[in-house]
């Protein structure tokens, strides 16, 4: 209803108060005992102050008003709707699409992060699923596809900011714990996790992470040093290579 012009608002107000109106294209007035249910994503009170919405119409239609929470305020709705949207794409295209386990977990974590604004609510989610499915290889959506799509969404939601893509892997650290970390710890831990996941052993990861320290010291236990660092965040080597 927030898109109506002032002339249309006047006609609607008369129809509400008198239950009489002219159907589109008719010069014969009709009568109907109706009740109006309307919705908008605009701030109608602000529009009244700006002279873009009639105050008397607003008073008439807000006898009962309810705020529908946005998708960002309903994170529990993302997972079932992600599955639904993917199913719809599969049905509409005649091709079976699916996430691999890691990609699905990553998208769900990112979708509930601070970066996720979901400005267009389910339109954003539906569009994201369609793009990931279209760009998938053989109908299988991977982590790389998720990363690419998330960067696109973040750029649209934060066009004037340089927002880094957050680390997300539920098999290592939960999104709740990640969001509680300071940015300094996030940046450092993200790199450590990346090295640990791509290393063959704790000692191998330690050599990569403390290569300069090893050269400067005659003897040190860098594996223990890494083990203690991971323990600060409730992590251990088995979390990366179970």
C-alpha atoms as a PDB file:
ATOM      1  CA  UNK A   1       0.000   0.000   0.000  1.00  0.00           C
ATOM      2  CA  UNK A   2       2.989   2.281   0.427  1.00  0.00           C
ATOM      3  CA  UNK A   3       3.346   2.476  -3.362  1.00  0.00           C
ATOM      4  CA  UNK A   4      -0.055   4.129  -3.935  1.00  0.00           C
ATOM      5  CA  UNK A   5      -0.146   7.720  -5.151  1.00  0.00           C
ATOM      6  CA  UNK A   6      -2.107  10.368  -3.261  1.00  0.00           C
ATOM      7  CA  UNK A   7      -5.060  10.196  -5.695  1.00  0.00           C
ATOM      8  CA  UNK A   8      -5.337   6.421  -5.288  1.00  0.00           C
ATOM      9  CA  UNK A   9      -5.060   6.821  -1.529  1.00  0.00           C
ATOM     10  CA  UNK A  10      -8.040   9.203  -1.567  1.00  0.00           C
ATOM     11  CA  UNK A  11     -10.114   6.717  -3.568  1.00  0.00           C
ATOM     12  CA  UNK A  12      -9.183   3.885  -1.232  1.00  0.00           C
ATOM     13  CA  UNK A  13     -10.068   5.953   1.825  1.00  0.00           C
ATOM     14  CA  UNK A  14     -13.523   6.680   0.388  1.00  0.00           C
ATOM     15  CA  UNK A  15     -14.035   3.001  -0.416  1.00  0.00           C
ATOM     16  CA  UNK A  16     -13.079   2.054   3.133  1.00  0.00           C
ATOM     17  CA  UNK A  17     -15.343   4.598   4.788  1.00  0.00           C
ATOM     18  CA  UNK A  18     -18.360   4.423   2.479  1.00  0.00           C
ATOM     19  CA  UNK A  19     -17.934   0.878   1.102  1.00  0.00           C
ATOM     20  CA  UNK A  20     -18.571   2.353  -2.345  1.00  0.00           C
ATOM     21  CA  UNK A  21     -16.226   2.629  -5.316  1.00  0.00           C
ATOM     22  CA  UNK A  22     -16.050   2.645  -9.111  1.00  0.00           C
ATOM     23  CA  UNK A  23     -14.609  -0.566 -10.550  1.00  0.00           C
ATOM     24  CA  UNK A  24     -11.765  -0.047 -13.016  1.00  0.00           C
ATOM     25  CA  UNK A  25     -13.170   1.148 -16.343  1.00  0.00           C
ATOM     26  CA  UNK A  26     -16.748   1.483 -15.078  1.00  0.00           C
ATOM     27  CA  UNK A  27     -18.930   4.578 -14.625  1.00  0.00           C
ATOM     28  CA  UNK A  28     -21.358   2.682 -12.424  1.00  0.00           C
ATOM     29  CA  UNK A  29     -20.631   2.752  -8.708  1.00  0.00           C
ATOM     30  CA  UNK A  30     -20.470  -0.536  -6.825  1.00  0.00           C
ATOM     31  CA  UNK A  31     -20.996  -1.327  -3.160  1.00  0.00           C
ATOM     32  CA  UNK A  32     -19.165  -3.972  -1.158  1.00  0.00           C
ATOM     33  CA  UNK A  33     -18.963  -4.736   2.537  1.00  0.00           C
ATOM     34  CA  UNK A  34     -15.305  -5.708   2.565  1.00  0.00           C
ATOM     35  CA  UNK A  35     -12.395  -5.718   4.961  1.00  0.00           C
ATOM     36  CA  UNK A  36      -8.971  -4.617   3.779  1.00  0.00           C
ATOM     37  CA  UNK A  37      -5.746  -6.460   4.530  1.00  0.00           C
ATOM     38  CA  UNK A  38      -2.694  -4.598   3.265  1.00  0.00           C
ATOM     39  CA  UNK A  39       1.059  -4.732   3.644  1.00  0.00           C
ATOM     40  CA  UNK A  40       4.143  -2.666   2.920  1.00  0.00           C
ATOM     41  CA  UNK A  41       7.867  -2.574   3.563  1.00  0.00           C
ATOM     42  CA  UNK A  42       7.772   1.232   3.796  1.00  0.00           C
ATOM     43  CA  UNK A  43       7.668   3.360   6.941  1.00  0.00           C
ATOM     44  CA  UNK A  44       4.203   4.883   6.506  1.00  0.00           C
ATOM     45  CA  UNK A  45       4.542   7.200   9.501  1.00  0.00           C
ATOM     46  CA  UNK A  46       7.668   8.706   7.970  1.00  0.00           C
ATOM     47  CA  UNK A  47       5.853   9.008   4.642  1.00  0.00           C
ATOM     48  CA  UNK A  48       3.065  10.944   6.362  1.00  0.00           C
ATOM     49  CA  UNK A  49       5.633  13.463   7.629  1.00  0.00           C
ATOM     50  CA  UNK A  50       7.057  13.731   4.109  1.00  0.00           C
ATOM     51  CA  UNK A  51       3.588  14.340   2.670  1.00  0.00           C
ATOM     52  CA  UNK A  52       3.671  11.127   0.644  1.00  0.00           C
ATOM     53  CA  UNK A  53       0.959   9.273   2.549  1.00  0.00           C
ATOM     54  CA  UNK A  54      -2.383  10.476   3.882  1.00  0.00           C
ATOM     55  CA  UNK A  55      -2.543  10.616   7.657  1.00  0.00           C
ATOM     56  CA  UNK A  56      -6.298   9.917   7.667  1.00  0.00           C
ATOM     57  CA  UNK A  57      -5.806   6.799   5.537  1.00  0.00           C
ATOM     58  CA  UNK A  58      -3.034   5.549   7.825  1.00  0.00           C
ATOM     59  CA  UNK A  59      -5.287   6.043  10.847  1.00  0.00           C
ATOM     60  CA  UNK A  60      -8.025   4.081   9.045  1.00  0.00           C
ATOM     61  CA  UNK A  61      -5.924   1.086   8.008  1.00  0.00           C
ATOM     62  CA  UNK A  62      -3.872   0.551  11.152  1.00  0.00           C
ATOM     63  CA  UNK A  63      -6.719  -0.565  13.386  1.00  0.00           C
ATOM     64  CA  UNK A  64      -4.695  -3.763  13.720  1.00  0.00           C
ATOM     65  CA  UNK A  65      -1.062  -3.809  12.644  1.00  0.00           C
ATOM     66  CA  UNK A  66       1.550  -6.537  12.798  1.00  0.00           C
ATOM     67  CA  UNK A  67       5.265  -6.428  12.025  1.00  0.00           C
ATOM     68  CA  UNK A  68       6.520  -9.406  10.062  1.00  0.00           C
ATOM     69  CA  UNK A  69      10.141 -10.092  11.040  1.00  0.00           C
ATOM     70  CA  UNK A  70      12.689 -10.058   8.225  1.00  0.00           C
ATOM     71  CA  UNK A  71      14.633 -13.140   7.166  1.00  0.00           C
ATOM     72  CA  UNK A  72      17.642 -11.791   9.084  1.00  0.00           C
ATOM     73  CA  UNK A  73      15.508 -11.900  12.231  1.00  0.00           C
ATOM     74  CA  UNK A  74      14.377 -15.463  11.482  1.00  0.00           C
ATOM     75  CA  UNK A  75      17.633 -17.419  10.977  1.00  0.00           C
ATOM     76  CA  UNK A  76      15.850 -20.660  11.853  1.00  0.00           C
ATOM     77  CA  UNK A  77      13.845 -20.296   8.624  1.00  0.00           C
ATOM     78  CA  UNK A  78      16.897 -20.227   6.373  1.00  0.00           C
ATOM     79  CA  UNK A  79      17.747 -23.944   6.398  1.00  0.00           C
ATOM     80  CA  UNK A  80      14.285 -25.335   5.492  1.00  0.00           C
ATOM     81  CA  UNK A  81      13.802 -22.633   2.857  1.00  0.00           C
ATOM     82  CA  UNK A  82      17.255 -23.318   1.411  1.00  0.00           C
ATOM     83  CA  UNK A  83      16.195 -26.932   0.870  1.00  0.00           C
ATOM     84  CA  UNK A  84      12.833 -25.830  -0.540  1.00  0.00           C
ATOM     85  CA  UNK A  85      14.329 -23.353  -3.002  1.00  0.00           C
ATOM     86  CA  UNK A  86      16.847 -25.922  -4.223  1.00  0.00           C
ATOM     87  CA  UNK A  87      14.049 -28.435  -4.688  1.00  0.00           C
ATOM     88  CA  UNK A  88      12.049 -25.879  -6.691  1.00  0.00           C
ATOM     89  CA  UNK A  89      15.011 -25.167  -8.968  1.00  0.00           C
ATOM     90  CA  UNK A  90      15.404 -28.901  -9.545  1.00  0.00           C
ATOM     91  CA  UNK A  91      11.724 -29.321 -10.391  1.00  0.00           C
ATOM     92  CA  UNK A  92      11.568 -26.282 -12.662  1.00  0.00           C
ATOM     93  CA  UNK A  93      14.718 -27.137 -14.609  1.00  0.00           C
ATOM     94  CA  UNK A  94      14.367 -30.898 -14.704  1.00  0.00           C
ATOM     95  CA  UNK A  95      17.881 -31.246 -13.252  1.00  0.00           C
ATOM     96  CA  UNK A  96      18.677 -32.569  -9.796  1.00  0.00           C
ATOM     97  CA  UNK A  97      20.777 -30.103  -7.811  1.00  0.00           C
ATOM     98  CA  UNK A  98      22.368 -30.618  -4.393  1.00  0.00           C
ATOM     99  CA  UNK A  99      25.058 -29.249  -2.071  1.00  0.00           C
ATOM    100  CA  UNK A 100      27.974 -31.290  -0.898  1.00  0.00           C
ATOM    101  CA  UNK A 101      28.051 -31.465   2.905  1.00  0.00           C
ATOM    102  CA  UNK A 102      30.774 -28.858   3.420  1.00  0.00           C
ATOM    103  CA  UNK A 103      29.214 -26.376   0.982  1.00  0.00           C
ATOM    104  CA  UNK A 104      25.781 -26.619   2.608  1.00  0.00           C
ATOM    105  CA  UNK A 105      27.206 -26.132   6.110  1.00  0.00           C
ATOM    106  CA  UNK A 106      29.278 -23.187   4.920  1.00  0.00           C
ATOM    107  CA  UNK A 107      26.343 -21.434   3.269  1.00  0.00           C
ATOM    108  CA  UNK A 108      24.160 -21.900   6.356  1.00  0.00           C
ATOM    109  CA  UNK A 109      26.846 -20.449   8.627  1.00  0.00           C
ATOM    110  CA  UNK A 110      27.500 -17.507   6.350  1.00  0.00           C
ATOM    111  CA  UNK A 111      23.776 -16.881   6.006  1.00  0.00           C
ATOM    112  CA  UNK A 112      23.537 -16.293   9.758  1.00  0.00           C
ATOM    113  CA  UNK A 113      26.681 -14.176  10.079  1.00  0.00           C
ATOM    114  CA  UNK A 114      26.836 -10.442  10.739  1.00  0.00           C
ATOM    115  CA  UNK A 115      27.412  -9.834   7.034  1.00  0.00           C
ATOM    116  CA  UNK A 116      24.082 -11.368   6.050  1.00  0.00           C
ATOM    117  CA  UNK A 117      21.555  -8.536   5.752  1.00  0.00           C
ATOM    118  CA  UNK A 118      18.995 -10.306   3.527  1.00  0.00           C
ATOM    119  CA  UNK A 119      17.681  -6.905   2.439  1.00  0.00           C
ATOM    120  CA  UNK A 120      15.235  -8.445  -0.013  1.00  0.00           C
ATOM    121  CA  UNK A 121      14.378 -11.303   2.336  1.00  0.00           C
ATOM    122  CA  UNK A 122      13.399 -14.500   0.503  1.00  0.00           C
ATOM    123  CA  UNK A 123      14.022 -12.906  -2.900  1.00  0.00           C
ATOM    124  CA  UNK A 124      17.711 -12.751  -1.960  1.00  0.00           C
ATOM    125  CA  UNK A 125      17.733 -16.389  -0.852  1.00  0.00           C
ATOM    126  CA  UNK A 126      15.847 -17.611  -3.912  1.00  0.00           C
ATOM    127  CA  UNK A 127      18.165 -15.714  -6.252  1.00  0.00           C
ATOM    128  CA  UNK A 128      21.255 -17.033  -4.487  1.00  0.00           C
ATOM    129  CA  UNK A 129      20.090 -20.637  -4.805  1.00  0.00           C
ATOM    130  CA  UNK A 130      19.247 -20.176  -8.485  1.00  0.00           C
ATOM    131  CA  UNK A 131      22.685 -18.733  -9.250  1.00  0.00           C
ATOM    132  CA  UNK A 132      24.563 -21.406  -7.308  1.00  0.00           C
ATOM    133  CA  UNK A 133      22.586 -24.147  -9.040  1.00  0.00           C
ATOM    134  CA  UNK A 134      23.168 -22.608 -12.469  1.00  0.00           C
ATOM    135  CA  UNK A 135      26.920 -22.292 -11.880  1.00  0.00           C
ATOM    136  CA  UNK A 136      27.317 -25.721 -10.276  1.00  0.00           C
ATOM    137  CA  UNK A 137      29.287 -28.451 -12.020  1.00  0.00           C
ATOM    138  CA  UNK A 138      27.070 -31.417 -12.804  1.00  0.00           C
ATOM    139  CA  UNK A 139      24.385 -30.262 -10.385  1.00  0.00           C
ATOM    140  CA  UNK A 140      26.710 -30.403  -7.370  1.00  0.00           C
ATOM    141  CA  UNK A 141      27.173 -27.132  -5.448  1.00  0.00           C
ATOM    142  CA  UNK A 142      30.649 -26.907  -3.906  1.00  0.00           C
ATOM    143  CA  UNK A 143      32.363 -24.605  -1.406  1.00  0.00           C
ATOM    144  CA  UNK A 144      33.931 -22.619  -4.246  1.00  0.00           C
ATOM    145  CA  UNK A 145      30.474 -21.910  -5.653  1.00  0.00           C
ATOM    146  CA  UNK A 146      29.260 -20.834  -2.216  1.00  0.00           C
ATOM    147  CA  UNK A 147      32.273 -18.518  -1.769  1.00  0.00           C
ATOM    148  CA  UNK A 148      31.671 -16.905  -5.153  1.00  0.00           C
ATOM    149  CA  UNK A 149      27.971 -16.349  -4.479  1.00  0.00           C
ATOM    150  CA  UNK A 150      28.580 -15.021  -0.986  1.00  0.00           C
ATOM    151  CA  UNK A 151      31.058 -12.446  -2.247  1.00  0.00           C
ATOM    152  CA  UNK A 152      28.418 -11.270  -4.714  1.00  0.00           C
ATOM    153  CA  UNK A 153      25.769 -10.969  -1.984  1.00  0.00           C
ATOM    154  CA  UNK A 154      28.105  -9.166   0.414  1.00  0.00           C
ATOM    155  CA  UNK A 155      29.109  -6.708  -2.304  1.00  0.00           C
ATOM    156  CA  UNK A 156      25.443  -5.891  -2.918  1.00  0.00           C
ATOM    157  CA  UNK A 157      24.596  -5.578   0.774  1.00  0.00           C
ATOM    158  CA  UNK A 158      27.725  -3.548   1.599  1.00  0.00           C
ATOM    159  CA  UNK A 159      28.506  -1.647  -1.632  1.00  0.00           C
ATOM    160  CA  UNK A 160      30.594   1.052   0.048  1.00  0.00           C
ATOM    161  CA  UNK A 161      32.556  -1.193   2.377  1.00  0.00           C
ATOM    162  CA  UNK A 162      35.435  -3.588   1.910  1.00  0.00           C
ATOM    163  CA  UNK A 163      34.020  -6.513   3.858  1.00  0.00           C
ATOM    164  CA  UNK A 164      36.172  -9.657   3.982  1.00  0.00           C
ATOM    165  CA  UNK A 165      34.557 -13.030   3.486  1.00  0.00           C
ATOM    166  CA  UNK A 166      34.319 -14.618   6.947  1.00  0.00           C
ATOM    167  CA  UNK A 167      35.704 -18.049   7.661  1.00  0.00           C
ATOM    168  CA  UNK A 168      32.958 -20.606   8.114  1.00  0.00           C
ATOM    169  CA  UNK A 169      33.251 -24.319   8.715  1.00  0.00           C
ATOM    170  CA  UNK A 170      30.883 -25.867  11.217  1.00  0.00           C
ATOM    171  CA  UNK A 171      33.056 -28.979  11.408  1.00  0.00           C
ATOM    172  CA  UNK A 172      35.798 -26.878  13.050  1.00  0.00           C
ATOM    173  CA  UNK A 173      34.243 -23.951  14.932  1.00  0.00           C
ATOM    174  CA  UNK A 174      30.621 -22.953  15.342  1.00  0.00           C
ATOM    175  CA  UNK A 175      29.265 -19.726  13.917  1.00  0.00           C
ATOM    176  CA  UNK A 176      28.229 -18.647  17.427  1.00  0.00           C
ATOM    177  CA  UNK A 177      31.797 -18.948  18.733  1.00  0.00           C
ATOM    178  CA  UNK A 178      33.212 -17.298  15.618  1.00  0.00           C
ATOM    179  CA  UNK A 179      30.962 -14.242  15.968  1.00  0.00           C
ATOM    180  CA  UNK A 180      32.068 -13.750  19.575  1.00  0.00           C
ATOM    181  CA  UNK A 181      35.734 -13.428  18.608  1.00  0.00           C
ATOM    182  CA  UNK A 182      37.444 -10.079  18.115  1.00  0.00           C
ATOM    183  CA  UNK A 183      38.360  -9.235  14.533  1.00  0.00           C
ATOM    184  CA  UNK A 184      42.052  -9.580  15.460  1.00  0.00           C
ATOM    185  CA  UNK A 185      41.530 -13.165  16.669  1.00  0.00           C
ATOM    186  CA  UNK A 186      39.347 -14.015  13.666  1.00  0.00           C
ATOM    187  CA  UNK A 187      41.997 -12.940  11.161  1.00  0.00           C
ATOM    188  CA  UNK A 188      44.757 -14.846  12.945  1.00  0.00           C
ATOM    189  CA  UNK A 189      42.708 -17.964  13.649  1.00  0.00           C
ATOM    190  CA  UNK A 190      41.387 -18.125  10.094  1.00  0.00           C
ATOM    191  CA  UNK A 191      44.914 -18.440   8.714  1.00  0.00           C
ATOM    192  CA  UNK A 192      45.930 -20.975  11.353  1.00  0.00           C
ATOM    193  CA  UNK A 193      42.904 -23.126  10.545  1.00  0.00           C
ATOM    194  CA  UNK A 194      43.655 -22.891   6.825  1.00  0.00           C
ATOM    195  CA  UNK A 195      47.211 -24.143   7.415  1.00  0.00           C
ATOM    196  CA  UNK A 196      46.081 -26.918   9.748  1.00  0.00           C
ATOM    197  CA  UNK A 197      43.502 -28.201   7.261  1.00  0.00           C
ATOM    198  CA  UNK A 198      46.091 -28.397   4.483  1.00  0.00           C
ATOM    199  CA  UNK A 199      48.915 -29.908   6.554  1.00  0.00           C
ATOM    200  CA  UNK A 200      49.682 -33.608   6.998  1.00  0.00           C
ATOM    201  CA  UNK A 201      50.474 -33.441  10.699  1.00  0.00           C
ATOM    202  CA  UNK A 202      50.665 -31.150  13.703  1.00  0.00           C
ATOM    203  CA  UNK A 203      54.428 -30.941  13.271  1.00  0.00           C
ATOM    204  CA  UNK A 204      54.029 -30.072   9.584  1.00  0.00           C
ATOM    205  CA  UNK A 205      51.575 -27.266  10.403  1.00  0.00           C
ATOM    206  CA  UNK A 206      53.899 -25.987  13.139  1.00  0.00           C
ATOM    207  CA  UNK A 207      56.836 -25.812  10.728  1.00  0.00           C
ATOM    208  CA  UNK A 208      54.764 -23.728   8.310  1.00  0.00           C
ATOM    209  CA  UNK A 209      53.399 -21.406  10.977  1.00  0.00           C
ATOM    210  CA  UNK A 210      56.623 -20.895  12.941  1.00  0.00           C
ATOM    211  CA  UNK A 211      59.235 -21.179  10.192  1.00  0.00           C
ATOM    212  CA  UNK A 212      61.075 -18.010  11.225  1.00  0.00           C
ATOM    213  CA  UNK A 213      60.957 -18.907  14.914  1.00  0.00           C
ATOM    214  CA  UNK A 214      62.480 -22.295  14.161  1.00  0.00           C
ATOM    215  CA  UNK A 215      65.443 -20.645  12.427  1.00  0.00           C
ATOM    216  CA  UNK A 216      66.060 -18.287  15.346  1.00  0.00           C
ATOM    217  CA  UNK A 217      65.854 -20.887  18.107  1.00  0.00           C
ATOM    218  CA  UNK A 218      68.206 -23.811  18.674  1.00  0.00           C
ATOM    219  CA  UNK A 219      65.451 -25.974  20.146  1.00  0.00           C
ATOM    220  CA  UNK A 220      61.754 -25.424  20.711  1.00  0.00           C
ATOM    221  CA  UNK A 221      58.544 -27.346  20.787  1.00  0.00           C
ATOM    222  CA  UNK A 222      56.457 -25.555  18.185  1.00  0.00           C
ATOM    223  CA  UNK A 223      53.971 -28.419  17.985  1.00  0.00           C
ATOM    224  CA  UNK A 224      53.111 -27.851  21.638  1.00  0.00           C
ATOM    225  CA  UNK A 225      52.951 -24.131  20.956  1.00  0.00           C
ATOM    226  CA  UNK A 226      50.379 -24.707  18.209  1.00  0.00           C
ATOM    227  CA  UNK A 227      48.475 -27.203  20.343  1.00  0.00           C
ATOM    228  CA  UNK A 228      48.125 -24.655  23.149  1.00  0.00           C
ATOM    229  CA  UNK A 229      47.050 -21.933  20.706  1.00  0.00           C
ATOM    230  CA  UNK A 230      44.269 -24.124  19.301  1.00  0.00           C
ATOM    231  CA  UNK A 231      43.168 -25.093  22.810  1.00  0.00           C
ATOM    232  CA  UNK A 232      42.463 -21.407  23.551  1.00  0.00           C
ATOM    233  CA  UNK A 233      39.584 -21.662  21.062  1.00  0.00           C
ATOM    234  CA  UNK A 234      38.445 -25.123  22.108  1.00  0.00           C
ATOM    235  CA  UNK A 235      40.125 -26.776  19.130  1.00  0.00           C
ATOM    236  CA  UNK A 236      42.503 -29.688  18.712  1.00  0.00           C
ATOM    237  CA  UNK A 237      44.326 -31.326  15.791  1.00  0.00           C
ATOM    238  CA  UNK A 238      41.674 -34.052  15.439  1.00  0.00           C
ATOM    239  CA  UNK A 239      39.113 -31.369  14.527  1.00  0.00           C
ATOM    240  CA  UNK A 240      40.889 -30.910  11.192  1.00  0.00           C
ATOM    241  CA  UNK A 241      41.702 -34.522  10.383  1.00  0.00           C
ATOM    242  CA  UNK A 242      39.194 -36.782  12.112  1.00  0.00           C
END
